[in-house]
Protein backbone atom coordinates (compact mmCIF):
# COMPACT_ATOMS: atom_id res chain seq x y z
CA UNK A 1 0.00 0.00 0.00
CA UNK A 2 1.21 3.46 -0.71
CA UNK A 3 2.36 6.03 -1.08
CA UNK A 4 0.77 7.63 1.97
CA UNK A 5 0.13 11.37 2.37
CA UNK A 6 0.65 12.63 5.91
CA UNK A 7 -0.85 15.72 7.53
CA UNK A 8 -1.50 17.09 11.00
CA UNK A 9 -4.82 18.79 11.60
CA UNK A 10 -5.48 21.61 12.13
CA UNK A 11 -3.27 22.42 9.19
CA UNK A 12 -4.09 26.08 8.55
CA UNK A 13 -5.26 29.17 10.45
CA UNK A 14 -9.02 29.38 10.88
CA UNK A 15 -9.60 25.60 11.06
CA UNK A 16 -12.65 24.86 13.19
CA UNK A 17 -13.63 21.85 15.28
CA UNK A 18 -16.74 21.19 17.37
CA UNK A 19 -17.61 18.26 19.60
CA UNK A 20 -21.29 17.91 20.49
CA UNK A 21 -21.86 21.50 19.34
CA UNK A 22 -19.09 23.04 21.47
CA UNK A 23 -15.88 24.40 19.95
CA UNK A 24 -12.97 22.36 21.27
CA UNK A 25 -9.22 22.06 20.70
CA UNK A 26 -7.82 18.92 19.15
CA UNK A 27 -4.77 18.01 17.14
CA UNK A 28 -4.61 14.80 15.12
CA UNK A 29 -2.15 13.14 12.78
CA UNK A 30 -3.63 11.66 9.62
CA UNK A 31 -2.27 9.37 6.91
CA UNK A 32 -4.12 8.82 3.63
CA UNK A 33 -3.67 6.20 0.94
CA UNK A 34 -5.72 5.61 -2.19
CA UNK A 35 -6.79 2.00 -2.87
CA UNK A 36 -8.55 2.18 -6.22
CA UNK A 37 -11.61 4.34 -5.69
CA UNK A 38 -11.42 4.04 -1.88
CA UNK A 39 -9.42 6.41 0.28
CA UNK A 40 -8.18 4.89 3.55
CA UNK A 41 -7.51 7.31 6.41
CA UNK A 42 -5.50 6.45 9.52
CA UNK A 43 -6.05 8.82 12.47
CA UNK A 44 -3.95 9.31 15.60
CA UNK A 45 -5.24 11.73 18.25
CA UNK A 46 -2.39 13.87 19.58
CA UNK A 47 -4.11 16.53 21.74
CA UNK A 48 -7.56 17.09 23.21
CA UNK A 49 -9.76 15.05 25.49
CA UNK A 50 -13.19 15.63 23.95
CA UNK A 51 -13.26 13.96 20.55
CA UNK A 52 -14.66 10.83 18.94
CA UNK A 53 -11.21 9.58 17.88
CA UNK A 54 -9.88 9.34 21.44
CA UNK A 55 -13.17 7.96 22.77
CA UNK A 56 -13.20 5.26 20.09
CA UNK A 57 -9.64 4.17 20.92
CA UNK A 58 -10.31 4.25 24.66
CA UNK A 59 -13.47 2.14 24.29
CA UNK A 60 -12.56 -0.23 21.44
CA UNK A 61 -8.80 0.00 20.97
CA UNK A 62 -9.09 0.54 17.21
CA UNK A 63 -10.91 -0.66 14.14
CA UNK A 64 -13.20 0.94 11.57
CA UNK A 65 -14.05 4.35 12.99
CA UNK A 66 -16.10 5.83 10.13
CA UNK A 67 -17.17 5.60 6.53
CA UNK A 68 -17.27 8.89 4.63
CA UNK A 69 -19.80 9.99 2.02
CA UNK A 70 -19.43 13.07 -0.17
CA UNK A 71 -22.56 15.22 -0.25
CA UNK A 72 -23.39 18.12 -2.59
CA UNK A 73 -25.00 20.22 0.19
CA UNK A 74 -24.00 19.39 3.76
CA UNK A 75 -26.69 21.57 5.34
CA UNK A 76 -29.49 19.78 3.48
CA UNK A 77 -27.96 16.38 4.31
CA UNK A 78 -27.67 17.27 8.01
CA UNK A 79 -31.28 18.48 8.11
CA UNK A 80 -32.42 15.18 6.55
CA UNK A 81 -30.38 13.21 9.08
CA UNK A 82 -31.79 15.26 11.98
CA UNK A 83 -35.33 14.46 10.79
CA UNK A 84 -34.36 10.79 10.97
CA UNK A 85 -33.11 11.27 14.55
CA UNK A 86 -29.38 11.21 13.73
CA UNK A 87 -27.33 13.90 15.44
CA UNK A 88 -23.91 15.40 14.72
CA UNK A 89 -21.22 14.15 17.10
CA UNK A 90 -18.39 16.32 15.83
CA UNK A 91 -17.79 18.61 12.89
CA UNK A 92 -15.30 21.01 11.42
CA UNK A 93 -13.47 22.35 8.45
CA UNK A 94 -11.45 19.92 6.41
CA UNK A 95 -7.77 19.61 5.63
CA UNK A 96 -8.61 20.28 2.00
CA UNK A 97 -9.36 23.99 1.41
CA UNK A 98 -13.07 24.81 1.49
CA UNK A 99 -14.23 21.43 2.79
CA UNK A 100 -16.63 20.94 5.70
CA UNK A 101 -17.35 17.65 7.43
CA UNK A 102 -19.70 16.26 10.05
CA UNK A 103 -19.34 12.99 11.94
CA UNK A 104 -22.76 11.57 12.68
CA UNK A 105 -23.55 9.78 15.93
CA UNK A 106 -24.40 6.46 14.26
CA UNK A 107 -22.08 4.03 16.03
CA UNK A 108 -24.82 2.59 18.21
CA UNK A 109 -27.01 2.06 15.11
CA UNK A 110 -24.59 0.62 12.54
CA UNK A 111 -21.41 -0.21 14.48
CA UNK A 112 -19.34 2.72 13.14
CA UNK A 113 -19.72 6.43 12.56
CA UNK A 114 -20.86 7.93 9.28
CA UNK A 115 -19.08 11.07 8.14
CA UNK A 116 -20.49 13.51 5.59
CA UNK A 117 -18.16 15.81 3.68
CA UNK A 118 -18.77 18.69 1.32
CA UNK A 119 -16.11 20.09 -0.99
CA UNK A 120 -16.54 23.29 -2.98
CA UNK A 121 -17.26 22.86 -6.69
CA UNK A 122 -13.76 23.76 -7.82
CA UNK A 123 -11.98 21.29 -5.50
CA UNK A 124 -11.29 17.75 -6.65
CA UNK A 125 -10.39 16.89 -3.04
CA UNK A 126 -7.01 15.46 -4.00
CA UNK A 127 -4.84 18.16 -2.43
CA UNK A 128 -4.19 17.98 1.32
CA UNK A 129 -2.24 21.24 1.42
C-alpha atoms as a PDB file:
ATOM      1  CA  UNK A   1       0.000   0.000   0.000  1.00  0.00           C
ATOM      2  CA  UNK A   2       1.207   3.461  -0.711  1.00  0.00           C
ATOM      3  CA  UNK A   3       2.355   6.028  -1.082  1.00  0.00           C
ATOM      4  CA  UNK A   4       0.765   7.633   1.968  1.00  0.00           C
ATOM      5  CA  UNK A   5       0.131  11.367   2.365  1.00  0.00           C
ATOM      6  CA  UNK A   6       0.649  12.630   5.913  1.00  0.00           C
ATOM      7  CA  UNK A   7      -0.848  15.717   7.532  1.00  0.00           C
ATOM      8  CA  UNK A   8      -1.497  17.088  10.998  1.00  0.00           C
ATOM      9  CA  UNK A   9      -4.818  18.793  11.604  1.00  0.00           C
ATOM     10  CA  UNK A  10      -5.481  21.614  12.127  1.00  0.00           C
ATOM     11  CA  UNK A  11      -3.272  22.416   9.186  1.00  0.00           C
ATOM     12  CA  UNK A  12      -4.086  26.080   8.554  1.00  0.00           C
ATOM     13  CA  UNK A  13      -5.265  29.171  10.446  1.00  0.00           C
ATOM     14  CA  UNK A  14      -9.018  29.376  10.878  1.00  0.00           C
ATOM     15  CA  UNK A  15      -9.598  25.604  11.064  1.00  0.00           C
ATOM     16  CA  UNK A  16     -12.654  24.865  13.187  1.00  0.00           C
ATOM     17  CA  UNK A  17     -13.631  21.847  15.284  1.00  0.00           C
ATOM     18  CA  UNK A  18     -16.738  21.194  17.373  1.00  0.00           C
ATOM     19  CA  UNK A  19     -17.606  18.261  19.596  1.00  0.00           C
ATOM     20  CA  UNK A  20     -21.287  17.907  20.489  1.00  0.00           C
ATOM     21  CA  UNK A  21     -21.858  21.499  19.343  1.00  0.00           C
ATOM     22  CA  UNK A  22     -19.087  23.043  21.473  1.00  0.00           C
ATOM     23  CA  UNK A  23     -15.881  24.401  19.948  1.00  0.00           C
ATOM     24  CA  UNK A  24     -12.967  22.359  21.272  1.00  0.00           C
ATOM     25  CA  UNK A  25      -9.220  22.064  20.704  1.00  0.00           C
ATOM     26  CA  UNK A  26      -7.822  18.922  19.151  1.00  0.00           C
ATOM     27  CA  UNK A  27      -4.765  18.006  17.140  1.00  0.00           C
ATOM     28  CA  UNK A  28      -4.609  14.799  15.118  1.00  0.00           C
ATOM     29  CA  UNK A  29      -2.150  13.136  12.784  1.00  0.00           C
ATOM     30  CA  UNK A  30      -3.631  11.655   9.619  1.00  0.00           C
ATOM     31  CA  UNK A  31      -2.274   9.373   6.912  1.00  0.00           C
ATOM     32  CA  UNK A  32      -4.123   8.818   3.633  1.00  0.00           C
ATOM     33  CA  UNK A  33      -3.667   6.202   0.936  1.00  0.00           C
ATOM     34  CA  UNK A  34      -5.722   5.610  -2.188  1.00  0.00           C
ATOM     35  CA  UNK A  35      -6.788   1.998  -2.870  1.00  0.00           C
ATOM     36  CA  UNK A  36      -8.551   2.178  -6.218  1.00  0.00           C
ATOM     37  CA  UNK A  37     -11.610   4.341  -5.695  1.00  0.00           C
ATOM     38  CA  UNK A  38     -11.423   4.037  -1.885  1.00  0.00           C
ATOM     39  CA  UNK A  39      -9.416   6.414   0.277  1.00  0.00           C
ATOM     40  CA  UNK A  40      -8.178   4.894   3.545  1.00  0.00           C
ATOM     41  CA  UNK A  41      -7.510   7.309   6.414  1.00  0.00           C
ATOM     42  CA  UNK A  42      -5.505   6.447   9.518  1.00  0.00           C
ATOM     43  CA  UNK A  43      -6.052   8.819  12.468  1.00  0.00           C
ATOM     44  CA  UNK A  44      -3.947   9.307  15.600  1.00  0.00           C
ATOM     45  CA  UNK A  45      -5.244  11.733  18.248  1.00  0.00           C
ATOM     46  CA  UNK A  46      -2.386  13.872  19.581  1.00  0.00           C
ATOM     47  CA  UNK A  47      -4.108  16.526  21.739  1.00  0.00           C
ATOM     48  CA  UNK A  48      -7.557  17.094  23.210  1.00  0.00           C
ATOM     49  CA  UNK A  49      -9.757  15.048  25.490  1.00  0.00           C
ATOM     50  CA  UNK A  50     -13.191  15.628  23.946  1.00  0.00           C
ATOM     51  CA  UNK A  51     -13.258  13.955  20.546  1.00  0.00           C
ATOM     52  CA  UNK A  52     -14.656  10.827  18.943  1.00  0.00           C
ATOM     53  CA  UNK A  53     -11.214   9.576  17.879  1.00  0.00           C
ATOM     54  CA  UNK A  54      -9.878   9.339  21.444  1.00  0.00           C
ATOM     55  CA  UNK A  55     -13.169   7.959  22.773  1.00  0.00           C
ATOM     56  CA  UNK A  56     -13.195   5.262  20.091  1.00  0.00           C
ATOM     57  CA  UNK A  57      -9.640   4.171  20.918  1.00  0.00           C
ATOM     58  CA  UNK A  58     -10.310   4.251  24.662  1.00  0.00           C
ATOM     59  CA  UNK A  59     -13.469   2.139  24.286  1.00  0.00           C
ATOM     60  CA  UNK A  60     -12.555  -0.229  21.437  1.00  0.00           C
ATOM     61  CA  UNK A  61      -8.796  -0.004  20.971  1.00  0.00           C
ATOM     62  CA  UNK A  62      -9.088   0.539  17.205  1.00  0.00           C
ATOM     63  CA  UNK A  63     -10.912  -0.661  14.136  1.00  0.00           C
ATOM     64  CA  UNK A  64     -13.196   0.940  11.574  1.00  0.00           C
ATOM     65  CA  UNK A  65     -14.049   4.350  12.987  1.00  0.00           C
ATOM     66  CA  UNK A  66     -16.100   5.826  10.134  1.00  0.00           C
ATOM     67  CA  UNK A  67     -17.171   5.600   6.525  1.00  0.00           C
ATOM     68  CA  UNK A  68     -17.273   8.889   4.625  1.00  0.00           C
ATOM     69  CA  UNK A  69     -19.796   9.985   2.019  1.00  0.00           C
ATOM     70  CA  UNK A  70     -19.428  13.067  -0.171  1.00  0.00           C
ATOM     71  CA  UNK A  71     -22.564  15.224  -0.246  1.00  0.00           C
ATOM     72  CA  UNK A  72     -23.395  18.119  -2.590  1.00  0.00           C
ATOM     73  CA  UNK A  73     -24.996  20.215   0.193  1.00  0.00           C
ATOM     74  CA  UNK A  74     -23.995  19.386   3.757  1.00  0.00           C
ATOM     75  CA  UNK A  75     -26.688  21.572   5.343  1.00  0.00           C
ATOM     76  CA  UNK A  76     -29.486  19.775   3.479  1.00  0.00           C
ATOM     77  CA  UNK A  77     -27.959  16.378   4.310  1.00  0.00           C
ATOM     78  CA  UNK A  78     -27.672  17.268   8.014  1.00  0.00           C
ATOM     79  CA  UNK A  79     -31.284  18.481   8.105  1.00  0.00           C
ATOM     80  CA  UNK A  80     -32.418  15.181   6.552  1.00  0.00           C
ATOM     81  CA  UNK A  81     -30.384  13.207   9.083  1.00  0.00           C
ATOM     82  CA  UNK A  82     -31.788  15.257  11.982  1.00  0.00           C
ATOM     83  CA  UNK A  83     -35.328  14.459  10.795  1.00  0.00           C
ATOM     84  CA  UNK A  84     -34.357  10.787  10.971  1.00  0.00           C
ATOM     85  CA  UNK A  85     -33.113  11.267  14.554  1.00  0.00           C
ATOM     86  CA  UNK A  86     -29.385  11.209  13.727  1.00  0.00           C
ATOM     87  CA  UNK A  87     -27.326  13.902  15.443  1.00  0.00           C
ATOM     88  CA  UNK A  88     -23.912  15.399  14.724  1.00  0.00           C
ATOM     89  CA  UNK A  89     -21.219  14.146  17.098  1.00  0.00           C
ATOM     90  CA  UNK A  90     -18.385  16.321  15.832  1.00  0.00           C
ATOM     91  CA  UNK A  91     -17.788  18.612  12.892  1.00  0.00           C
ATOM     92  CA  UNK A  92     -15.298  21.010  11.417  1.00  0.00           C
ATOM     93  CA  UNK A  93     -13.475  22.354   8.452  1.00  0.00           C
ATOM     94  CA  UNK A  94     -11.452  19.916   6.407  1.00  0.00           C
ATOM     95  CA  UNK A  95      -7.768  19.607   5.630  1.00  0.00           C
ATOM     96  CA  UNK A  96      -8.609  20.285   2.003  1.00  0.00           C
ATOM     97  CA  UNK A  97      -9.359  23.988   1.411  1.00  0.00           C
ATOM     98  CA  UNK A  98     -13.074  24.807   1.493  1.00  0.00           C
ATOM     99  CA  UNK A  99     -14.230  21.434   2.789  1.00  0.00           C
ATOM    100  CA  UNK A 100     -16.632  20.940   5.701  1.00  0.00           C
ATOM    101  CA  UNK A 101     -17.349  17.648   7.432  1.00  0.00           C
ATOM    102  CA  UNK A 102     -19.698  16.257  10.054  1.00  0.00           C
ATOM    103  CA  UNK A 103     -19.336  12.988  11.939  1.00  0.00           C
ATOM    104  CA  UNK A 104     -22.762  11.569  12.679  1.00  0.00           C
ATOM    105  CA  UNK A 105     -23.551   9.775  15.933  1.00  0.00           C
ATOM    106  CA  UNK A 106     -24.401   6.456  14.261  1.00  0.00           C
ATOM    107  CA  UNK A 107     -22.078   4.025  16.027  1.00  0.00           C
ATOM    108  CA  UNK A 108     -24.824   2.585  18.214  1.00  0.00           C
ATOM    109  CA  UNK A 109     -27.008   2.061  15.113  1.00  0.00           C
ATOM    110  CA  UNK A 110     -24.589   0.618  12.537  1.00  0.00           C
ATOM    111  CA  UNK A 111     -21.408  -0.206  14.479  1.00  0.00           C
ATOM    112  CA  UNK A 112     -19.340   2.722  13.145  1.00  0.00           C
ATOM    113  CA  UNK A 113     -19.716   6.426  12.563  1.00  0.00           C
ATOM    114  CA  UNK A 114     -20.860   7.933   9.278  1.00  0.00           C
ATOM    115  CA  UNK A 115     -19.083  11.070   8.138  1.00  0.00           C
ATOM    116  CA  UNK A 116     -20.485  13.507   5.591  1.00  0.00           C
ATOM    117  CA  UNK A 117     -18.156  15.815   3.681  1.00  0.00           C
ATOM    118  CA  UNK A 118     -18.775  18.690   1.320  1.00  0.00           C
ATOM    119  CA  UNK A 119     -16.109  20.094  -0.989  1.00  0.00           C
ATOM    120  CA  UNK A 120     -16.542  23.288  -2.977  1.00  0.00           C
ATOM    121  CA  UNK A 121     -17.257  22.863  -6.692  1.00  0.00           C
ATOM    122  CA  UNK A 122     -13.756  23.765  -7.816  1.00  0.00           C
ATOM    123  CA  UNK A 123     -11.982  21.285  -5.503  1.00  0.00           C
ATOM    124  CA  UNK A 124     -11.286  17.747  -6.651  1.00  0.00           C
ATOM    125  CA  UNK A 125     -10.388  16.889  -3.044  1.00  0.00           C
ATOM    126  CA  UNK A 126      -7.010  15.464  -4.003  1.00  0.00           C
ATOM    127  CA  UNK A 127      -4.836  18.164  -2.426  1.00  0.00           C
ATOM    128  CA  UNK A 128      -4.188  17.984   1.320  1.00  0.00           C
ATOM    129  CA  UNK A 129      -2.236  21.238   1.425  1.00  0.00           C
END
